[in-house]
Protein backbone atom coordinates (compact mmCIF):
# COMPACT_ATOMS: atom_id res chain seq x y z
CA MET A 1 0.00 0.00 0.00
CA CYS A 2 1.38 3.38 -1.01
CA ARG A 3 0.97 6.24 1.46
CA PRO A 4 0.52 9.71 -0.07
CA HIS A 5 2.48 11.42 2.72
CA TYR A 6 4.56 10.71 5.80
CA ASN A 7 4.62 12.50 9.13
CA VAL A 8 8.13 13.00 10.48
CA ASN A 9 9.55 14.25 13.78
CA MET A 10 11.81 17.11 12.73
CA LYS A 11 14.54 18.07 15.16
CA ALA A 12 16.47 20.70 13.19
CA VAL A 13 17.06 22.33 9.82
CA GLN A 14 20.56 22.26 8.39
CA VAL A 15 21.69 24.28 5.36
CA GLY A 16 25.13 23.24 4.20
CA ARG A 17 27.12 22.81 7.42
CA ALA A 18 25.10 25.31 9.44
CA PHE A 19 22.14 24.46 11.65
CA LEU A 20 19.48 27.17 11.65
CA ASN A 21 18.56 28.69 15.01
CA ILE A 22 14.95 27.46 15.13
CA SER A 23 13.10 26.38 18.27
CA ILE A 24 12.22 22.67 18.19
CA ASP A 25 8.64 23.35 19.35
CA VAL A 26 7.88 24.80 15.90
CA PHE A 27 7.98 21.25 14.54
CA GLU A 28 5.80 19.58 17.21
CA ALA A 29 2.50 18.15 16.02
CA GLY A 30 -0.61 20.01 17.10
CA ASP A 31 -3.08 22.64 16.01
CA ARG A 32 -1.77 23.93 12.66
CA LYS A 33 1.70 22.59 13.51
CA GLY A 34 3.79 19.63 12.53
CA THR A 35 5.82 18.40 9.59
CA ILE A 36 4.71 16.34 6.61
CA THR A 37 7.00 15.07 3.86
CA ASP A 38 5.14 14.57 0.58
CA SER A 39 7.26 12.99 -2.14
CA GLY A 40 4.69 13.90 -4.80
CA THR A 41 5.02 17.68 -4.63
CA THR A 42 7.65 20.28 -5.40
CA LEU A 43 6.22 22.81 -2.96
CA ALA A 44 7.32 23.44 0.61
CA TYR A 45 5.21 25.33 3.13
CA LEU A 46 7.23 26.78 5.98
CA PRO A 47 6.11 28.88 8.95
CA ASP A 48 7.63 32.37 8.99
CA VAL A 49 9.94 31.48 11.91
CA VAL A 50 11.46 28.74 9.73
CA TYR A 51 11.33 30.53 6.36
CA GLU A 52 13.11 33.71 7.48
CA PRO A 53 16.41 32.07 8.59
CA PHE A 54 16.15 29.46 5.80
CA SER A 55 15.92 32.10 3.07
CA LYS A 56 19.00 34.05 4.22
């Protein structure tokens, strides 16, 4: 059976050799929170607190 998406427990975001300074509670599952990896899409939706340091 093929699953359309997978929930993962993210701990950090690393770009190159640098880990971004992002609080781990951003990734906890809950109301409008959490992380899903969908191998069938090219889009990524990131909360502002993740996007800002990621885009720099």
